[in-house]
Amino acid sequence: MDTISERQKKYIKNLSSYEYSKREDEKDIADYLKEHGKKSVSQLSKKEASELIKILLERPTEYTFACGKKAILHKQEVNRYHLMGDSEACMHACPDDIDIHDCSYWKKHMNARAF
């Protein structure tokens, strides 16, 4: 059997670590393991791990923007914003739906860096 990879284990752990959706994610994992007769994530095959990852990605979670505003976004987006940074999140998912160059937070932030 092709067992779960370390990368898949880490991704499952990451996807189920967001406080906003943690309880539901833990239930999804427990239900999936029970349905497949497994006692832990480590016992999953690569295919089963991929299926579980898809389930976890379906549940949105909360993201806090640099300005402090919050929004509910898909986990894939949240992961990308954690990797790419605050400006990426603001450019693509601003809760006020404004251009980053019109944002008072970023104007203030960029002016502070100019000095």
C-alpha atoms as a PDB file:
ATOM      1  CA  MET A   1       0.000   0.000   0.000  1.00  0.00           C
ATOM      2  CA  ASP A   2       1.161   3.529  -0.820  1.00  0.00           C
ATOM      3  CA  THR A   3       1.122   5.151   2.643  1.00  0.00           C
ATOM      4  CA  ILE A   4       0.505   8.796   3.434  1.00  0.00           C
ATOM      5  CA  SER A   5       3.458  11.097   2.830  1.00  0.00           C
ATOM      6  CA  GLU A   6       4.966  13.374   5.455  1.00  0.00           C
ATOM      7  CA  ARG A   7       3.925  16.328   3.336  1.00  0.00           C
ATOM      8  CA  GLN A   8       0.286  15.162   3.385  1.00  0.00           C
ATOM      9  CA  LYS A   9       0.432  14.665   7.164  1.00  0.00           C
ATOM     10  CA  LYS A  10       1.755  18.206   7.629  1.00  0.00           C
ATOM     11  CA  TYR A  11      -0.877  19.626   5.291  1.00  0.00           C
ATOM     12  CA  ILE A  12      -3.704  17.850   7.131  1.00  0.00           C
ATOM     13  CA  LYS A  13      -2.304  19.162  10.432  1.00  0.00           C
ATOM     14  CA  ASN A  14      -2.104  22.685   8.988  1.00  0.00           C
ATOM     15  CA  LEU A  15      -5.614  22.592   7.516  1.00  0.00           C
ATOM     16  CA  SER A  16      -7.078  21.438  10.814  1.00  0.00           C
ATOM     17  CA  SER A  17      -5.199  23.947  12.992  1.00  0.00           C
ATOM     18  CA  TYR A  18      -7.270  27.090  12.373  1.00  0.00           C
ATOM     19  CA  GLU A  19      -9.108  28.033  15.581  1.00  0.00           C
ATOM     20  CA  TYR A  20     -12.235  29.159  13.721  1.00  0.00           C
ATOM     21  CA  SER A  21     -12.883  25.725  12.177  1.00  0.00           C
ATOM     22  CA  LYS A  22     -10.854  23.463  14.470  1.00  0.00           C
ATOM     23  CA  ARG A  23     -13.769  21.568  16.053  1.00  0.00           C
ATOM     24  CA  GLU A  24     -15.485  20.895  12.731  1.00  0.00           C
ATOM     25  CA  ASP A  25     -12.176  19.850  11.153  1.00  0.00           C
ATOM     26  CA  GLU A  26     -11.448  17.441  13.997  1.00  0.00           C
ATOM     27  CA  LYS A  27     -14.919  15.948  13.548  1.00  0.00           C
ATOM     28  CA  ASP A  28     -14.365  15.620   9.784  1.00  0.00           C
ATOM     29  CA  ILE A  29     -11.076  13.817  10.424  1.00  0.00           C
ATOM     30  CA  ALA A  30     -12.598  11.500  13.054  1.00  0.00           C
ATOM     31  CA  ASP A  31     -15.566  10.699  10.809  1.00  0.00           C
ATOM     32  CA  TYR A  32     -13.299  10.026   7.827  1.00  0.00           C
ATOM     33  CA  LEU A  33     -11.009   7.746   9.850  1.00  0.00           C
ATOM     34  CA  LYS A  34     -13.974   5.830  11.251  1.00  0.00           C
ATOM     35  CA  GLU A  35     -15.547   5.483   7.801  1.00  0.00           C
ATOM     36  CA  HIS A  36     -12.286   4.026   6.458  1.00  0.00           C
ATOM     37  CA  GLY A  37     -11.525   1.812   9.460  1.00  0.00           C
ATOM     38  CA  LYS A  38      -8.402   3.719  10.508  1.00  0.00           C
ATOM     39  CA  LYS A  39      -7.318   4.766  13.979  1.00  0.00           C
ATOM     40  CA  SER A  40      -5.028   7.639  12.956  1.00  0.00           C
ATOM     41  CA  VAL A  41      -4.106   9.848  10.022  1.00  0.00           C
ATOM     42  CA  SER A  42      -0.768   8.008   9.814  1.00  0.00           C
ATOM     43  CA  GLN A  43      -2.607   4.858   8.701  1.00  0.00           C
ATOM     44  CA  LEU A  44      -4.123   6.494   5.620  1.00  0.00           C
ATOM     45  CA  SER A  45      -2.995   5.731   2.093  1.00  0.00           C
ATOM     46  CA  LYS A  46      -1.896   8.593  -0.154  1.00  0.00           C
ATOM     47  CA  LYS A  47      -5.243   8.428  -1.965  1.00  0.00           C
ATOM     48  CA  GLU A  48      -7.213   8.499   1.294  1.00  0.00           C
ATOM     49  CA  ALA A  49      -5.103  11.394   2.570  1.00  0.00           C
ATOM     50  CA  SER A  50      -5.832  13.316  -0.641  1.00  0.00           C
ATOM     51  CA  GLU A  51      -9.557  12.710  -0.176  1.00  0.00           C
ATOM     52  CA  LEU A  52      -9.364  13.936   3.436  1.00  0.00           C
ATOM     53  CA  ILE A  53      -7.443  17.031   2.340  1.00  0.00           C
ATOM     54  CA  LYS A  54     -10.221  17.834  -0.138  1.00  0.00           C
ATOM     55  CA  ILE A  55     -12.802  17.560   2.651  1.00  0.00           C
ATOM     56  CA  LEU A  56     -10.784  19.864   4.934  1.00  0.00           C
ATOM     57  CA  LEU A  57     -10.281  22.406   2.141  1.00  0.00           C
ATOM     58  CA  GLU A  58     -14.053  22.695   1.669  1.00  0.00           C
ATOM     59  CA  ARG A  59     -14.549  24.222   5.116  1.00  0.00           C
ATOM     60  CA  PRO A  60     -13.826  27.965   5.172  1.00  0.00           C
ATOM     61  CA  THR A  61     -11.994  29.635   8.018  1.00  0.00           C
ATOM     62  CA  GLU A  62     -11.427  33.101   9.401  1.00  0.00           C
ATOM     63  CA  TYR A  63      -8.642  35.350   8.141  1.00  0.00           C
ATOM     64  CA  THR A  64      -7.487  38.570   9.824  1.00  0.00           C
ATOM     65  CA  PHE A  65      -6.229  41.228   7.442  1.00  0.00           C
ATOM     66  CA  ALA A  66      -3.333  43.571   8.258  1.00  0.00           C
ATOM     67  CA  CYS A  67      -5.829  46.345   9.130  1.00  0.00           C
ATOM     68  CA  GLY A  68      -7.484  44.053  11.704  1.00  0.00           C
ATOM     69  CA  LYS A  69     -10.668  43.360   9.739  1.00  0.00           C
ATOM     70  CA  LYS A  70     -11.766  39.752   9.474  1.00  0.00           C
ATOM     71  CA  ALA A  71     -13.362  37.713   6.733  1.00  0.00           C
ATOM     72  CA  ILE A  72     -14.343  34.112   6.170  1.00  0.00           C
ATOM     73  CA  LEU A  73     -12.273  32.700   3.300  1.00  0.00           C
ATOM     74  CA  HIS A  74     -11.459  29.334   1.786  1.00  0.00           C
ATOM     75  CA  LYS A  75      -8.514  27.641   3.461  1.00  0.00           C
ATOM     76  CA  GLN A  76      -6.560  27.516   0.219  1.00  0.00           C
ATOM     77  CA  GLU A  77      -6.743  31.310   0.036  1.00  0.00           C
ATOM     78  CA  VAL A  78      -5.777  31.693   3.687  1.00  0.00           C
ATOM     79  CA  ASN A  79      -2.764  29.410   3.197  1.00  0.00           C
ATOM     80  CA  ARG A  80      -1.687  31.419   0.158  1.00  0.00           C
ATOM     81  CA  TYR A  81      -1.984  34.701   2.070  1.00  0.00           C
ATOM     82  CA  HIS A  82       0.050  33.338   4.969  1.00  0.00           C
ATOM     83  CA  LEU A  83       2.729  32.371   2.479  1.00  0.00           C
ATOM     84  CA  MET A  84       2.621  35.442   0.214  1.00  0.00           C
ATOM     85  CA  GLY A  85       1.925  38.093   2.854  1.00  0.00           C
ATOM     86  CA  ASP A  86      -0.576  40.710   3.927  1.00  0.00           C
ATOM     87  CA  SER A  87      -0.444  42.778   0.753  1.00  0.00           C
ATOM     88  CA  GLU A  88      -1.421  39.734  -1.328  1.00  0.00           C
ATOM     89  CA  ALA A  89      -4.492  39.210   0.856  1.00  0.00           C
ATOM     90  CA  CYS A  90      -5.482  42.841   0.630  1.00  0.00           C
ATOM     91  CA  MET A  91      -5.036  42.980  -3.141  1.00  0.00           C
ATOM     92  CA  HIS A  92      -7.232  39.938  -3.734  1.00  0.00           C
ATOM     93  CA  ALA A  93      -9.721  39.727  -0.870  1.00  0.00           C
ATOM     94  CA  CYS A  94     -10.092  43.133   0.782  1.00  0.00           C
ATOM     95  CA  PRO A  95     -13.212  43.013   2.972  1.00  0.00           C
ATOM     96  CA  ASP A  96     -13.948  46.640   1.975  1.00  0.00           C
ATOM     97  CA  ASP A  97     -13.474  45.792  -1.713  1.00  0.00           C
ATOM     98  CA  ILE A  98     -11.123  48.708  -2.311  1.00  0.00           C
ATOM     99  CA  ASP A  99      -7.850  48.977  -4.194  1.00  0.00           C
ATOM    100  CA  ILE A 100      -4.821  48.561  -1.936  1.00  0.00           C
ATOM    101  CA  HIS A 101      -3.578  52.003  -3.071  1.00  0.00           C
ATOM    102  CA  ASP A 102      -6.791  53.574  -1.737  1.00  0.00           C
ATOM    103  CA  CYS A 103      -6.555  51.809   1.634  1.00  0.00           C
ATOM    104  CA  SER A 104      -5.855  54.074   4.621  1.00  0.00           C
ATOM    105  CA  TYR A 105      -3.976  51.248   6.394  1.00  0.00           C
ATOM    106  CA  TRP A 106      -1.558  50.744   3.504  1.00  0.00           C
ATOM    107  CA  LYS A 107      -1.164  54.488   2.875  1.00  0.00           C
ATOM    108  CA  LYS A 108      -0.186  54.968   6.511  1.00  0.00           C
ATOM    109  CA  HIS A 109       2.074  51.883   6.436  1.00  0.00           C
ATOM    110  CA  MET A 110       3.871  52.990   3.256  1.00  0.00           C
ATOM    111  CA  ASN A 111       4.300  56.584   4.515  1.00  0.00           C
ATOM    112  CA  ALA A 112       5.862  55.285   7.736  1.00  0.00           C
ATOM    113  CA  ARG A 113       8.364  53.234   5.718  1.00  0.00           C
ATOM    114  CA  ALA A 114       9.323  56.276   3.601  1.00  0.00           C
ATOM    115  CA  PHE A 115      11.013  57.999   6.558  1.00  0.00           C
END
